[in-house]
N, C-alpha and C. Protein backbone atom coordinates (compact mmCIF):
# COMPACT_ATOMS: atom_id res chain seq x y z
N MET A 1 8.80 -10.23 8.42
CA MET A 1 9.43 -9.42 7.40
C MET A 1 8.43 -8.36 6.95
N LYS A 2 8.90 -7.13 6.90
CA LYS A 2 8.09 -6.02 6.41
C LYS A 2 8.87 -5.39 5.25
N ILE A 3 8.19 -5.21 4.11
CA ILE A 3 8.83 -4.72 2.89
C ILE A 3 7.96 -3.62 2.29
N LEU A 4 8.60 -2.59 1.74
CA LEU A 4 7.90 -1.50 1.07
C LEU A 4 8.33 -1.43 -0.39
N TYR A 5 7.35 -1.32 -1.27
CA TYR A 5 7.57 -1.04 -2.69
C TYR A 5 6.92 0.30 -3.01
N PHE A 6 7.69 1.19 -3.64
CA PHE A 6 7.12 2.47 -4.03
C PHE A 6 7.57 2.83 -5.44
N GLY A 7 6.78 3.66 -6.06
CA GLY A 7 7.10 4.11 -7.41
C GLY A 7 5.97 4.96 -7.93
N GLY A 8 6.13 5.45 -9.12
CA GLY A 8 5.11 6.27 -9.75
C GLY A 8 3.95 5.43 -10.25
N GLN A 9 2.99 6.10 -10.81
CA GLN A 9 1.82 5.44 -11.36
C GLN A 9 2.23 4.51 -12.50
N LYS A 10 1.73 3.28 -12.48
CA LYS A 10 2.01 2.27 -13.51
C LYS A 10 3.50 1.95 -13.62
N SER A 11 4.21 2.01 -12.49
CA SER A 11 5.65 1.73 -12.49
C SER A 11 5.97 0.24 -12.41
N GLY A 12 4.97 -0.57 -12.03
CA GLY A 12 5.21 -1.99 -11.84
C GLY A 12 5.35 -2.38 -10.38
N LYS A 13 5.09 -1.43 -9.49
CA LYS A 13 5.29 -1.69 -8.05
C LYS A 13 4.35 -2.77 -7.53
N SER A 14 3.11 -2.80 -7.97
CA SER A 14 2.16 -3.81 -7.50
C SER A 14 2.58 -5.21 -7.93
N ASN A 15 3.03 -5.35 -9.16
CA ASN A 15 3.48 -6.67 -9.64
C ASN A 15 4.71 -7.13 -8.88
N ALA A 16 5.65 -6.24 -8.65
CA ALA A 16 6.86 -6.60 -7.90
C ALA A 16 6.50 -6.97 -6.46
N ALA A 17 5.60 -6.21 -5.86
CA ALA A 17 5.19 -6.48 -4.49
C ALA A 17 4.43 -7.81 -4.40
N ALA A 18 3.60 -8.10 -5.38
CA ALA A 18 2.87 -9.37 -5.38
C ALA A 18 3.84 -10.55 -5.46
N ALA A 19 4.84 -10.45 -6.31
CA ALA A 19 5.83 -11.52 -6.44
C ALA A 19 6.58 -11.71 -5.12
N ALA A 20 6.95 -10.62 -4.47
CA ALA A 20 7.66 -10.70 -3.19
C ALA A 20 6.77 -11.34 -2.13
N THR A 21 5.50 -10.97 -2.12
CA THR A 21 4.57 -11.52 -1.14
C THR A 21 4.43 -13.03 -1.32
N LEU A 22 4.30 -13.47 -2.55
CA LEU A 22 4.17 -14.90 -2.82
C LEU A 22 5.43 -15.65 -2.40
N ASN A 23 6.59 -15.02 -2.57
CA ASN A 23 7.85 -15.66 -2.15
C ASN A 23 7.97 -15.77 -0.63
N LEU A 24 7.34 -14.85 0.09
CA LEU A 24 7.41 -14.85 1.55
C LEU A 24 6.51 -15.89 2.20
N SER A 25 5.46 -16.29 1.52
CA SER A 25 4.41 -17.07 2.15
C SER A 25 4.48 -18.55 1.80
N ASN A 26 4.25 -19.38 2.81
CA ASN A 26 4.14 -20.83 2.60
C ASN A 26 2.71 -21.25 2.30
N THR A 27 1.77 -20.36 2.56
CA THR A 27 0.36 -20.61 2.28
C THR A 27 -0.16 -19.47 1.41
N LYS A 28 -1.40 -19.54 1.03
CA LYS A 28 -2.00 -18.48 0.21
C LYS A 28 -2.05 -17.19 1.03
N PRO A 29 -1.35 -16.14 0.58
CA PRO A 29 -1.33 -14.88 1.35
C PRO A 29 -2.61 -14.07 1.13
N TYR A 30 -2.73 -13.04 1.95
CA TYR A 30 -3.87 -12.13 1.88
C TYR A 30 -3.50 -10.88 1.08
N TYR A 31 -4.43 -10.46 0.25
CA TYR A 31 -4.30 -9.21 -0.50
C TYR A 31 -5.27 -8.23 0.15
N VAL A 32 -4.75 -7.19 0.78
CA VAL A 32 -5.59 -6.19 1.42
C VAL A 32 -5.81 -5.07 0.41
N ALA A 33 -7.02 -5.04 -0.14
CA ALA A 33 -7.39 -4.05 -1.14
C ALA A 33 -7.95 -2.83 -0.43
N THR A 34 -7.33 -1.68 -0.64
CA THR A 34 -7.70 -0.48 0.12
C THR A 34 -8.59 0.50 -0.64
N TYR A 35 -8.90 0.20 -1.89
CA TYR A 35 -9.72 1.14 -2.66
C TYR A 35 -11.16 1.13 -2.16
N ASP A 36 -11.70 2.29 -1.92
CA ASP A 36 -13.10 2.47 -1.54
C ASP A 36 -13.90 2.70 -2.82
N ASN A 37 -14.66 1.72 -3.21
CA ASN A 37 -15.35 1.76 -4.50
C ASN A 37 -16.69 2.50 -4.42
N SER A 38 -16.72 3.62 -3.72
CA SER A 38 -17.96 4.38 -3.60
C SER A 38 -17.90 5.72 -4.35
N TYR A 39 -16.86 5.92 -5.13
CA TYR A 39 -16.68 7.22 -5.79
C TYR A 39 -17.29 7.29 -7.18
N ASP A 40 -17.85 6.17 -7.67
CA ASP A 40 -18.47 6.13 -8.99
C ASP A 40 -17.49 6.57 -10.07
N ASP A 41 -16.29 5.99 -10.03
CA ASP A 41 -15.22 6.31 -10.98
C ASP A 41 -14.97 5.08 -11.85
N GLN A 42 -15.49 5.09 -13.07
CA GLN A 42 -15.42 3.92 -13.95
C GLN A 42 -13.98 3.53 -14.28
N ALA A 43 -13.10 4.50 -14.46
CA ALA A 43 -11.70 4.18 -14.76
C ALA A 43 -11.05 3.43 -13.60
N MET A 44 -11.38 3.82 -12.36
CA MET A 44 -10.84 3.11 -11.20
C MET A 44 -11.45 1.71 -11.08
N VAL A 45 -12.71 1.58 -11.41
CA VAL A 45 -13.35 0.26 -11.39
C VAL A 45 -12.62 -0.67 -12.35
N GLU A 46 -12.25 -0.17 -13.51
CA GLU A 46 -11.51 -0.98 -14.49
C GLU A 46 -10.14 -1.37 -13.95
N ARG A 47 -9.45 -0.46 -13.28
CA ARG A 47 -8.15 -0.77 -12.67
C ARG A 47 -8.29 -1.85 -11.60
N VAL A 48 -9.29 -1.69 -10.75
CA VAL A 48 -9.52 -2.65 -9.68
C VAL A 48 -9.83 -4.03 -10.27
N THR A 49 -10.66 -4.07 -11.28
CA THR A 49 -11.01 -5.34 -11.93
C THR A 49 -9.77 -6.01 -12.51
N LYS A 50 -8.90 -5.24 -13.11
CA LYS A 50 -7.66 -5.80 -13.67
C LYS A 50 -6.79 -6.39 -12.55
N HIS A 51 -6.65 -5.66 -11.45
CA HIS A 51 -5.89 -6.17 -10.30
C HIS A 51 -6.51 -7.45 -9.76
N GLN A 52 -7.83 -7.49 -9.67
CA GLN A 52 -8.51 -8.68 -9.16
C GLN A 52 -8.25 -9.88 -10.05
N GLN A 53 -8.32 -9.68 -11.35
CA GLN A 53 -8.08 -10.79 -12.28
C GLN A 53 -6.64 -11.28 -12.20
N GLN A 54 -5.69 -10.38 -11.99
CA GLN A 54 -4.28 -10.75 -11.91
C GLN A 54 -3.98 -11.57 -10.66
N ARG A 55 -4.67 -11.31 -9.57
CA ARG A 55 -4.31 -11.94 -8.30
C ARG A 55 -5.25 -13.03 -7.83
N GLN A 56 -6.39 -13.23 -8.48
CA GLN A 56 -7.44 -14.07 -7.92
C GLN A 56 -7.02 -15.50 -7.61
N GLN A 57 -6.09 -16.07 -8.34
CA GLN A 57 -5.67 -17.45 -8.08
C GLN A 57 -4.66 -17.53 -6.94
N ASP A 58 -3.93 -16.45 -6.70
CA ASP A 58 -2.79 -16.49 -5.78
C ASP A 58 -3.05 -15.93 -4.40
N PHE A 59 -4.09 -15.12 -4.23
CA PHE A 59 -4.33 -14.41 -2.98
C PHE A 59 -5.75 -14.61 -2.48
N ILE A 60 -5.92 -14.44 -1.18
CA ILE A 60 -7.24 -14.31 -0.56
C ILE A 60 -7.45 -12.81 -0.38
N THR A 61 -8.48 -12.27 -0.98
CA THR A 61 -8.70 -10.82 -0.95
C THR A 61 -9.52 -10.40 0.26
N ILE A 62 -9.02 -9.36 0.92
CA ILE A 62 -9.74 -8.69 2.00
C ILE A 62 -9.87 -7.23 1.58
N GLU A 63 -11.07 -6.72 1.58
CA GLU A 63 -11.26 -5.31 1.26
C GLU A 63 -11.36 -4.53 2.56
N GLN A 64 -10.42 -3.60 2.74
CA GLN A 64 -10.40 -2.77 3.95
C GLN A 64 -9.87 -1.40 3.56
N ALA A 65 -10.76 -0.44 3.50
CA ALA A 65 -10.41 0.89 3.00
C ALA A 65 -9.89 1.84 4.07
N THR A 66 -10.15 1.56 5.35
CA THR A 66 -9.81 2.56 6.36
C THR A 66 -8.98 2.07 7.53
N ASP A 67 -9.27 0.90 8.10
CA ASP A 67 -8.59 0.46 9.32
C ASP A 67 -7.83 -0.83 9.09
N LEU A 68 -6.54 -0.70 8.83
CA LEU A 68 -5.70 -1.86 8.55
C LEU A 68 -5.55 -2.78 9.75
N THR A 69 -5.70 -2.24 10.95
CA THR A 69 -5.54 -3.06 12.15
C THR A 69 -6.64 -4.12 12.27
N GLU A 70 -7.75 -3.92 11.60
CA GLU A 70 -8.85 -4.87 11.67
C GLU A 70 -8.56 -6.18 10.93
N VAL A 71 -7.58 -6.18 10.03
CA VAL A 71 -7.37 -7.36 9.19
C VAL A 71 -6.03 -8.05 9.39
N ILE A 72 -5.08 -7.42 10.06
CA ILE A 72 -3.74 -7.99 10.20
C ILE A 72 -3.68 -8.89 11.43
N GLU A 73 -3.26 -10.15 11.20
CA GLU A 73 -3.17 -11.12 12.28
C GLU A 73 -1.79 -11.77 12.31
N GLN A 74 -1.41 -12.20 13.46
CA GLN A 74 -0.11 -12.83 13.67
C GLN A 74 0.05 -14.07 12.79
N GLY A 75 1.27 -14.24 12.28
CA GLY A 75 1.62 -15.45 11.56
C GLY A 75 1.18 -15.51 10.10
N GLN A 76 0.51 -14.51 9.61
CA GLN A 76 0.03 -14.51 8.23
C GLN A 76 0.94 -13.66 7.34
N THR A 77 0.66 -13.68 6.04
CA THR A 77 1.39 -12.85 5.08
C THR A 77 0.38 -12.00 4.32
N TYR A 78 0.70 -10.71 4.20
CA TYR A 78 -0.22 -9.74 3.60
C TYR A 78 0.48 -8.88 2.55
N LEU A 79 -0.27 -8.54 1.52
CA LEU A 79 0.10 -7.49 0.58
C LEU A 79 -0.93 -6.39 0.75
N ILE A 80 -0.48 -5.21 1.17
CA ILE A 80 -1.38 -4.07 1.31
C ILE A 80 -1.19 -3.17 0.10
N ASP A 81 -2.20 -3.15 -0.76
CA ASP A 81 -2.12 -2.42 -2.03
C ASP A 81 -3.36 -1.54 -2.16
N CYS A 82 -3.27 -0.27 -1.89
CA CYS A 82 -2.02 0.37 -1.57
C CYS A 82 -2.24 1.39 -0.46
N LEU A 83 -1.13 1.81 0.15
CA LEU A 83 -1.22 2.81 1.22
C LEU A 83 -1.71 4.15 0.70
N SER A 84 -1.49 4.45 -0.56
CA SER A 84 -1.96 5.73 -1.11
C SER A 84 -3.49 5.81 -1.08
N MET A 85 -4.15 4.73 -1.47
CA MET A 85 -5.61 4.70 -1.43
C MET A 85 -6.10 4.74 0.02
N TRP A 86 -5.40 4.01 0.89
CA TRP A 86 -5.74 4.03 2.31
C TRP A 86 -5.65 5.46 2.85
N LEU A 87 -4.59 6.18 2.48
CA LEU A 87 -4.45 7.58 2.91
C LEU A 87 -5.57 8.45 2.35
N PHE A 88 -5.88 8.25 1.09
CA PHE A 88 -6.96 9.01 0.46
C PHE A 88 -8.27 8.82 1.23
N ASN A 89 -8.53 7.58 1.62
CA ASN A 89 -9.76 7.27 2.36
C ASN A 89 -9.75 7.84 3.77
N ASN A 90 -8.56 8.14 4.28
CA ASN A 90 -8.40 8.62 5.66
C ASN A 90 -7.91 10.06 5.74
N LEU A 91 -8.13 10.85 4.71
CA LEU A 91 -7.62 12.24 4.71
C LEU A 91 -8.15 13.06 5.88
N ALA A 92 -9.31 12.74 6.38
CA ALA A 92 -9.87 13.51 7.49
C ALA A 92 -9.24 13.14 8.83
N CYS A 93 -8.50 12.05 8.88
CA CYS A 93 -7.89 11.60 10.13
C CYS A 93 -6.62 12.40 10.43
N PRO A 94 -6.35 12.63 11.70
CA PRO A 94 -5.09 13.29 12.06
C PRO A 94 -3.89 12.41 11.71
N GLU A 95 -2.79 13.04 11.36
CA GLU A 95 -1.55 12.33 11.02
C GLU A 95 -1.15 11.36 12.12
N ALA A 96 -1.22 11.79 13.37
CA ALA A 96 -0.81 10.94 14.49
C ALA A 96 -1.66 9.66 14.57
N GLU A 97 -2.92 9.77 14.24
CA GLU A 97 -3.81 8.60 14.26
C GLU A 97 -3.41 7.60 13.17
N LEU A 98 -3.05 8.09 12.01
CA LEU A 98 -2.62 7.21 10.91
C LEU A 98 -1.31 6.51 11.27
N ILE A 99 -0.38 7.25 11.84
CA ILE A 99 0.89 6.66 12.23
C ILE A 99 0.68 5.63 13.33
N GLU A 100 -0.21 5.91 14.26
CA GLU A 100 -0.49 4.94 15.32
C GLU A 100 -1.09 3.65 14.75
N GLN A 101 -1.96 3.79 13.79
CA GLN A 101 -2.53 2.60 13.14
C GLN A 101 -1.41 1.77 12.49
N LEU A 102 -0.48 2.44 11.84
CA LEU A 102 0.64 1.72 11.22
C LEU A 102 1.57 1.12 12.27
N ARG A 103 1.78 1.81 13.38
CA ARG A 103 2.58 1.24 14.48
C ARG A 103 1.98 -0.09 14.93
N GLN A 104 0.67 -0.13 15.03
CA GLN A 104 0.00 -1.35 15.44
C GLN A 104 0.20 -2.46 14.41
N VAL A 105 0.16 -2.12 13.13
CA VAL A 105 0.40 -3.12 12.08
C VAL A 105 1.83 -3.65 12.20
N PHE A 106 2.79 -2.76 12.40
CA PHE A 106 4.19 -3.18 12.51
C PHE A 106 4.44 -4.01 13.77
N SER A 107 3.61 -3.86 14.78
CA SER A 107 3.81 -4.61 16.02
C SER A 107 3.36 -6.07 15.92
N VAL A 108 2.61 -6.40 14.89
CA VAL A 108 2.11 -7.77 14.72
C VAL A 108 3.20 -8.62 14.06
N ASP A 109 3.43 -9.79 14.62
CA ASP A 109 4.44 -10.72 14.09
C ASP A 109 3.88 -11.42 12.86
N CYS A 110 4.07 -10.80 11.71
CA CYS A 110 3.58 -11.32 10.45
C CYS A 110 4.40 -10.69 9.32
N ASN A 111 4.22 -11.20 8.12
CA ASN A 111 4.85 -10.61 6.94
C ASN A 111 3.88 -9.62 6.30
N VAL A 112 4.37 -8.43 6.00
CA VAL A 112 3.55 -7.44 5.30
C VAL A 112 4.39 -6.80 4.21
N VAL A 113 3.84 -6.79 3.00
CA VAL A 113 4.44 -6.07 1.89
C VAL A 113 3.51 -4.90 1.59
N PHE A 114 4.06 -3.70 1.68
CA PHE A 114 3.30 -2.47 1.45
C PHE A 114 3.60 -1.93 0.06
N VAL A 115 2.60 -1.28 -0.52
CA VAL A 115 2.76 -0.56 -1.78
C VAL A 115 2.29 0.86 -1.54
N ILE A 116 3.08 1.83 -2.05
CA ILE A 116 2.67 3.24 -1.95
C ILE A 116 3.14 3.97 -3.20
N ASN A 117 2.37 4.94 -3.62
CA ASN A 117 2.74 5.75 -4.78
C ASN A 117 3.72 6.84 -4.38
N ASP A 118 4.67 7.10 -5.24
CA ASP A 118 5.59 8.22 -5.05
C ASP A 118 4.98 9.42 -5.77
N VAL A 119 4.38 10.32 -5.00
CA VAL A 119 3.68 11.47 -5.59
C VAL A 119 4.36 12.79 -5.27
N GLY A 120 5.50 12.76 -4.61
CA GLY A 120 6.12 13.98 -4.13
C GLY A 120 7.14 14.61 -5.04
N MET A 121 7.25 14.17 -6.28
CA MET A 121 8.28 14.71 -7.15
C MET A 121 7.73 15.74 -8.14
N GLY A 122 6.48 16.12 -7.96
CA GLY A 122 5.87 17.09 -8.85
C GLY A 122 5.80 18.47 -8.20
N VAL A 123 4.98 19.31 -8.76
CA VAL A 123 4.79 20.65 -8.22
C VAL A 123 3.91 20.59 -6.98
N ILE A 124 3.96 21.61 -6.16
CA ILE A 124 3.10 21.69 -4.98
C ILE A 124 1.67 21.95 -5.46
N PRO A 125 0.72 21.09 -5.07
CA PRO A 125 -0.66 21.26 -5.52
C PRO A 125 -1.26 22.58 -5.05
N MET A 126 -2.18 23.10 -5.85
CA MET A 126 -2.82 24.38 -5.55
C MET A 126 -3.85 24.29 -4.44
N ASP A 127 -4.60 23.18 -4.41
CA ASP A 127 -5.67 23.11 -3.41
C ASP A 127 -5.20 22.39 -2.15
N SER A 128 -5.82 22.73 -1.04
CA SER A 128 -5.36 22.24 0.27
C SER A 128 -5.52 20.73 0.43
N GLN A 129 -6.59 20.16 -0.10
CA GLN A 129 -6.79 18.72 0.06
C GLN A 129 -5.72 17.93 -0.71
N SER A 130 -5.38 18.38 -1.90
CA SER A 130 -4.33 17.70 -2.68
C SER A 130 -2.98 17.86 -2.00
N ARG A 131 -2.71 19.05 -1.46
CA ARG A 131 -1.45 19.26 -0.71
C ARG A 131 -1.38 18.33 0.49
N ARG A 132 -2.50 18.20 1.21
CA ARG A 132 -2.52 17.30 2.38
C ARG A 132 -2.23 15.87 1.95
N PHE A 133 -2.82 15.42 0.85
CA PHE A 133 -2.59 14.07 0.36
C PHE A 133 -1.12 13.86 0.01
N VAL A 134 -0.53 14.80 -0.72
CA VAL A 134 0.88 14.68 -1.10
C VAL A 134 1.77 14.70 0.14
N ASP A 135 1.49 15.61 1.05
CA ASP A 135 2.28 15.70 2.29
C ASP A 135 2.17 14.42 3.11
N LEU A 136 0.96 13.94 3.30
CA LEU A 136 0.77 12.71 4.09
C LEU A 136 1.43 11.51 3.41
N THR A 137 1.38 11.45 2.10
CA THR A 137 2.02 10.35 1.38
C THR A 137 3.52 10.35 1.67
N GLY A 138 4.13 11.52 1.66
CA GLY A 138 5.56 11.61 1.98
C GLY A 138 5.85 11.25 3.43
N ILE A 139 5.04 11.76 4.34
CA ILE A 139 5.24 11.51 5.77
C ILE A 139 5.05 10.02 6.08
N ILE A 140 3.96 9.46 5.59
CA ILE A 140 3.67 8.04 5.84
C ILE A 140 4.70 7.16 5.13
N GLY A 141 5.08 7.54 3.92
CA GLY A 141 6.12 6.78 3.21
C GLY A 141 7.42 6.75 3.99
N GLN A 142 7.82 7.87 4.56
CA GLN A 142 9.04 7.91 5.37
C GLN A 142 8.91 7.02 6.60
N PHE A 143 7.76 7.09 7.26
CA PHE A 143 7.55 6.27 8.46
C PHE A 143 7.62 4.78 8.11
N VAL A 144 6.91 4.38 7.08
CA VAL A 144 6.88 2.96 6.70
C VAL A 144 8.27 2.50 6.26
N ALA A 145 8.96 3.30 5.46
CA ALA A 145 10.30 2.93 5.00
C ALA A 145 11.25 2.74 6.18
N ALA A 146 11.15 3.60 7.18
CA ALA A 146 12.03 3.49 8.34
C ALA A 146 11.77 2.21 9.13
N GLN A 147 10.52 1.75 9.14
CA GLN A 147 10.15 0.55 9.90
C GLN A 147 10.43 -0.75 9.14
N CYS A 148 10.46 -0.67 7.82
CA CYS A 148 10.57 -1.88 7.00
C CYS A 148 11.98 -2.46 6.99
N ASP A 149 12.04 -3.78 6.81
CA ASP A 149 13.31 -4.48 6.68
C ASP A 149 13.95 -4.22 5.32
N GLU A 150 13.11 -4.10 4.30
CA GLU A 150 13.59 -3.85 2.94
C GLU A 150 12.70 -2.80 2.29
N VAL A 151 13.31 -1.98 1.42
CA VAL A 151 12.58 -0.94 0.68
C VAL A 151 13.05 -0.99 -0.77
N TYR A 152 12.08 -0.97 -1.71
CA TYR A 152 12.37 -1.03 -3.13
C TYR A 152 11.68 0.12 -3.86
N ARG A 153 12.42 0.78 -4.74
CA ARG A 153 11.86 1.74 -5.68
C ARG A 153 11.66 0.98 -6.99
N VAL A 154 10.52 1.17 -7.63
CA VAL A 154 10.24 0.48 -8.88
C VAL A 154 10.05 1.50 -9.98
N ASN A 155 10.82 1.34 -11.05
CA ASN A 155 10.70 2.17 -12.24
C ASN A 155 10.62 1.27 -13.45
N PHE A 156 9.59 1.44 -14.28
CA PHE A 156 9.44 0.66 -15.51
C PHE A 156 9.53 -0.84 -15.27
N GLY A 157 8.98 -1.29 -14.14
CA GLY A 157 8.96 -2.70 -13.81
C GLY A 157 10.24 -3.26 -13.24
N ILE A 158 11.20 -2.39 -12.96
CA ILE A 158 12.49 -2.83 -12.43
C ILE A 158 12.61 -2.37 -10.98
N PRO A 159 12.57 -3.33 -10.04
CA PRO A 159 12.76 -2.95 -8.63
C PRO A 159 14.24 -2.73 -8.30
N GLN A 160 14.50 -1.66 -7.56
CA GLN A 160 15.85 -1.36 -7.09
C GLN A 160 15.79 -1.31 -5.57
N GLN A 161 16.60 -2.15 -4.92
CA GLN A 161 16.59 -2.18 -3.46
C GLN A 161 17.37 -1.00 -2.91
N LEU A 162 16.71 -0.25 -2.01
CA LEU A 162 17.34 0.91 -1.36
C LEU A 162 17.74 0.58 0.08
N LYS A 163 17.06 -0.38 0.66
CA LYS A 163 17.32 -0.75 2.05
C LYS A 163 17.19 -2.25 2.18
């Protein structure tokens, strides 16, 4: 089973995705943390710490900021939180390479719950790097949604199934 949860910042998508992941797994699932903690951003460190405290009893954490294929194995259950951070860490990679990496993840017989931010409903960013991030988030979000068995939009902590 492959499931996607998406929504805006602080929409509740991570909590909904974590609950779904726990429901899918008969054993302790894996939490694939994609944040690269090398940016010296104290606010992000606080967010990561909060996420770690929320999940520490329920998940086995794997930190993987760039190559998801290195951690996904057959027969396991994973929560990848989140694809937006993974994209941010891989902005220099060609789009085709990112999609190929995701194809490989989808080819593994396992449960994966993906989380991605919905960032495409605002204005077009002025700088090229921000535009690339927004564009890639939309492109990757469309690819993942098309491959997933279920897709949920989360607003204010309320998941709505779209697929």
